[in-house]
Amino acid sequence: MKTIVKNLITKEETIFVNDLSLTENIVNTIICNSNRTGDLLNPKHREEIKQKYSIVERKSTITGRRFAYCQVKDLHAKYDI
């Protein structure tokens, strides 16, 4: 599955092709942007990021598609269909 994570301020997009959730791909983006790629598979660090940055995953009432966002980091994720 293809996921696009977009920084809403800089308009920079990161594309992931995997079976992870939208939330997990936002976590991947946060880890990569902080130059800590060695922690990509560290479950404790991933959980700390989810707690610290309050990533929310929802379903749009208009389109019915799932999306996720992290308001603290200005990130938005969606599946590319």
N, C-alpha and C. Protein backbone atom coordinates (compact mmCIF):
# COMPACT_ATOMS: atom_id res chain seq x y z
N MET A 1 0.84 -1.17 0.00
CA MET A 1 0.00 0.00 0.00
C MET A 1 0.90 1.25 0.00
N LYS A 2 0.47 2.26 -0.66
CA LYS A 2 1.24 3.49 -0.78
C LYS A 2 0.64 4.56 0.14
N THR A 3 1.50 5.13 0.98
CA THR A 3 1.10 6.17 1.92
C THR A 3 1.90 7.43 1.64
N ILE A 4 1.22 8.57 1.63
CA ILE A 4 1.88 9.86 1.46
C ILE A 4 1.77 10.63 2.77
N VAL A 5 2.92 11.01 3.32
CA VAL A 5 2.97 11.85 4.51
C VAL A 5 3.47 13.21 4.07
N LYS A 6 2.68 14.24 4.34
CA LYS A 6 3.00 15.59 3.87
C LYS A 6 3.18 16.55 5.04
N ASN A 7 4.24 17.34 4.97
CA ASN A 7 4.43 18.42 5.91
C ASN A 7 3.60 19.59 5.39
N LEU A 8 2.64 20.04 6.17
CA LEU A 8 1.71 21.06 5.71
C LEU A 8 2.32 22.45 5.64
N ILE A 9 3.46 22.66 6.27
CA ILE A 9 4.13 23.96 6.22
C ILE A 9 5.08 24.03 5.02
N THR A 10 5.95 23.03 4.89
CA THR A 10 6.96 23.05 3.83
C THR A 10 6.46 22.40 2.54
N LYS A 11 5.34 21.70 2.60
CA LYS A 11 4.76 20.97 1.46
C LYS A 11 5.62 19.77 1.03
N GLU A 12 6.64 19.42 1.81
CA GLU A 12 7.48 18.27 1.52
C GLU A 12 6.69 16.98 1.74
N GLU A 13 6.80 16.05 0.79
CA GLU A 13 6.08 14.78 0.88
C GLU A 13 7.07 13.64 1.01
N THR A 14 6.69 12.67 1.84
CA THR A 14 7.44 11.43 1.98
C THR A 14 6.50 10.30 1.59
N ILE A 15 6.97 9.42 0.73
CA ILE A 15 6.13 8.32 0.25
C ILE A 15 6.64 7.01 0.83
N PHE A 16 5.72 6.23 1.38
CA PHE A 16 6.03 4.91 1.92
C PHE A 16 5.22 3.87 1.16
N VAL A 17 5.87 2.80 0.79
CA VAL A 17 5.18 1.66 0.18
C VAL A 17 5.38 0.49 1.13
N ASN A 18 4.38 0.27 1.98
CA ASN A 18 4.43 -0.80 2.97
C ASN A 18 3.01 -1.10 3.45
N ASP A 19 2.90 -2.00 4.41
CA ASP A 19 1.59 -2.36 4.94
C ASP A 19 1.34 -1.75 6.32
N LEU A 20 2.10 -0.73 6.68
CA LEU A 20 1.93 -0.09 7.98
C LEU A 20 0.75 0.88 7.96
N SER A 21 0.26 1.20 9.15
CA SER A 21 -0.86 2.14 9.26
C SER A 21 -0.39 3.56 8.98
N LEU A 22 -1.34 4.45 8.83
CA LEU A 22 -1.03 5.86 8.62
C LEU A 22 -0.26 6.42 9.81
N THR A 23 -0.67 6.04 11.01
CA THR A 23 0.01 6.49 12.22
C THR A 23 1.46 6.03 12.24
N GLU A 24 1.70 4.78 11.91
CA GLU A 24 3.06 4.24 11.91
C GLU A 24 3.94 4.94 10.88
N ASN A 25 3.37 5.31 9.75
CA ASN A 25 4.15 6.02 8.74
C ASN A 25 4.45 7.46 9.16
N ILE A 26 3.57 8.09 9.92
CA ILE A 26 3.90 9.40 10.48
C ILE A 26 5.04 9.25 11.48
N VAL A 27 5.01 8.20 12.29
CA VAL A 27 6.10 7.94 13.22
C VAL A 27 7.41 7.74 12.45
N ASN A 28 7.36 6.99 11.35
CA ASN A 28 8.55 6.80 10.51
C ASN A 28 9.10 8.15 10.03
N THR A 29 8.23 9.03 9.61
CA THR A 29 8.64 10.35 9.12
C THR A 29 9.30 11.16 10.23
N ILE A 30 8.70 11.15 11.41
CA ILE A 30 9.27 11.89 12.54
C ILE A 30 10.66 11.36 12.88
N ILE A 31 10.82 10.04 12.90
CA ILE A 31 12.12 9.44 13.21
C ILE A 31 13.15 9.81 12.15
N CYS A 32 12.78 9.71 10.89
CA CYS A 32 13.72 10.04 9.80
C CYS A 32 14.09 11.52 9.81
N ASN A 33 13.13 12.39 10.07
CA ASN A 33 13.40 13.82 10.09
C ASN A 33 14.28 14.24 11.26
N SER A 34 14.30 13.42 12.30
CA SER A 34 15.15 13.73 13.46
C SER A 34 16.51 13.03 13.37
N ASN A 35 16.80 12.44 12.20
CA ASN A 35 18.08 11.75 11.94
C ASN A 35 18.37 10.65 12.95
N ARG A 36 17.33 9.89 13.31
CA ARG A 36 17.50 8.78 14.24
C ARG A 36 17.01 7.49 13.60
N THR A 37 17.40 7.25 12.36
CA THR A 37 16.90 6.08 11.63
C THR A 37 17.27 4.76 12.30
N GLY A 38 18.25 4.77 13.17
CA GLY A 38 18.60 3.56 13.92
C GLY A 38 17.48 3.14 14.86
N ASP A 39 16.55 4.04 15.15
CA ASP A 39 15.43 3.75 16.05
C ASP A 39 14.15 3.38 15.32
N LEU A 40 14.21 3.19 14.02
CA LEU A 40 13.00 2.87 13.25
C LEU A 40 12.32 1.59 13.76
N LEU A 41 13.09 0.62 14.20
CA LEU A 41 12.51 -0.65 14.66
C LEU A 41 12.46 -0.76 16.18
N ASN A 42 12.74 0.33 16.88
CA ASN A 42 12.73 0.33 18.35
C ASN A 42 11.30 0.59 18.84
N PRO A 43 10.61 -0.46 19.33
CA PRO A 43 9.20 -0.29 19.73
C PRO A 43 9.01 0.70 20.87
N LYS A 44 9.95 0.76 21.80
CA LYS A 44 9.83 1.70 22.93
C LYS A 44 9.90 3.15 22.43
N HIS A 45 10.85 3.43 21.53
CA HIS A 45 10.99 4.78 20.99
C HIS A 45 9.76 5.16 20.15
N ARG A 46 9.25 4.21 19.38
CA ARG A 46 8.06 4.47 18.56
C ARG A 46 6.86 4.82 19.45
N GLU A 47 6.71 4.10 20.55
CA GLU A 47 5.60 4.36 21.47
C GLU A 47 5.75 5.73 22.13
N GLU A 48 6.98 6.11 22.47
CA GLU A 48 7.23 7.42 23.06
C GLU A 48 6.84 8.54 22.09
N ILE A 49 7.13 8.35 20.81
CA ILE A 49 6.77 9.35 19.80
C ILE A 49 5.25 9.48 19.70
N LYS A 50 4.54 8.34 19.70
CA LYS A 50 3.08 8.37 19.62
C LYS A 50 2.48 9.11 20.81
N GLN A 51 3.04 8.90 21.99
CA GLN A 51 2.55 9.58 23.19
C GLN A 51 2.87 11.07 23.15
N LYS A 52 4.09 11.39 22.77
CA LYS A 52 4.55 12.78 22.82
C LYS A 52 3.86 13.68 21.79
N TYR A 53 3.63 13.15 20.58
CA TYR A 53 3.13 13.98 19.49
C TYR A 53 1.64 13.81 19.17
N SER A 54 0.93 13.01 19.91
CA SER A 54 -0.53 12.88 19.76
C SER A 54 -0.97 12.73 18.31
N ILE A 55 -0.63 11.63 17.69
CA ILE A 55 -1.02 11.36 16.31
C ILE A 55 -2.45 10.83 16.31
N VAL A 56 -3.30 11.43 15.49
CA VAL A 56 -4.71 11.08 15.44
C VAL A 56 -5.03 10.48 14.07
N GLU A 57 -5.76 9.38 14.08
CA GLU A 57 -6.18 8.74 12.83
C GLU A 57 -7.71 8.76 12.79
N ARG A 58 -8.25 9.21 11.67
CA ARG A 58 -9.71 9.36 11.53
C ARG A 58 -10.17 8.92 10.15
N LYS A 59 -11.49 8.89 10.00
CA LYS A 59 -12.12 8.62 8.72
C LYS A 59 -12.89 9.87 8.32
N SER A 60 -12.67 10.34 7.08
CA SER A 60 -13.35 11.54 6.60
C SER A 60 -14.84 11.28 6.44
N THR A 61 -15.64 12.20 6.94
CA THR A 61 -17.09 12.07 6.78
C THR A 61 -17.52 12.44 5.37
N ILE A 62 -16.66 13.12 4.64
CA ILE A 62 -17.00 13.54 3.28
C ILE A 62 -16.62 12.46 2.26
N THR A 63 -15.37 12.01 2.30
CA THR A 63 -14.89 11.04 1.30
C THR A 63 -14.93 9.60 1.78
N GLY A 64 -14.97 9.40 3.10
CA GLY A 64 -14.95 8.04 3.64
C GLY A 64 -13.56 7.44 3.70
N ARG A 65 -12.55 8.21 3.32
CA ARG A 65 -11.17 7.72 3.33
C ARG A 65 -10.51 8.00 4.67
N ARG A 66 -9.57 7.14 5.05
CA ARG A 66 -8.84 7.31 6.31
C ARG A 66 -7.70 8.30 6.11
N PHE A 67 -7.41 9.05 7.16
CA PHE A 67 -6.27 9.96 7.17
C PHE A 67 -5.77 10.07 8.60
N ALA A 68 -4.55 10.57 8.76
CA ALA A 68 -3.98 10.77 10.08
C ALA A 68 -3.26 12.11 10.07
N TYR A 69 -3.13 12.69 11.25
CA TYR A 69 -2.41 13.95 11.35
C TYR A 69 -1.71 14.07 12.69
N CYS A 70 -0.67 14.87 12.67
CA CYS A 70 0.10 15.20 13.87
C CYS A 70 0.19 16.72 13.89
N GLN A 71 -0.63 17.34 14.72
CA GLN A 71 -0.71 18.79 14.74
C GLN A 71 0.60 19.42 15.22
N VAL A 72 1.29 18.78 16.15
CA VAL A 72 2.53 19.32 16.70
C VAL A 72 3.61 19.44 15.63
N LYS A 73 3.69 18.45 14.74
CA LYS A 73 4.71 18.43 13.69
C LYS A 73 4.17 18.87 12.33
N ASP A 74 2.91 19.26 12.26
CA ASP A 74 2.28 19.71 11.00
C ASP A 74 2.35 18.65 9.91
N LEU A 75 2.07 17.39 10.26
CA LEU A 75 2.11 16.29 9.31
C LEU A 75 0.72 15.74 9.06
N HIS A 76 0.48 15.37 7.82
CA HIS A 76 -0.80 14.78 7.39
C HIS A 76 -0.48 13.55 6.55
N ALA A 77 -1.18 12.45 6.80
CA ALA A 77 -0.93 11.21 6.05
C ALA A 77 -2.23 10.70 5.43
N LYS A 78 -2.09 10.17 4.23
CA LYS A 78 -3.24 9.56 3.54
C LYS A 78 -2.75 8.43 2.68
N TYR A 79 -3.64 7.49 2.39
CA TYR A 79 -3.33 6.42 1.46
C TYR A 79 -3.51 6.93 0.04
N ASP A 80 -2.60 6.57 -0.83
CA ASP A 80 -2.71 6.95 -2.23
C ASP A 80 -3.33 5.78 -2.98
N ILE A 81 -4.53 6.00 -3.45
CA ILE A 81 -5.27 4.92 -4.12
C ILE A 81 -5.18 5.07 -5.62
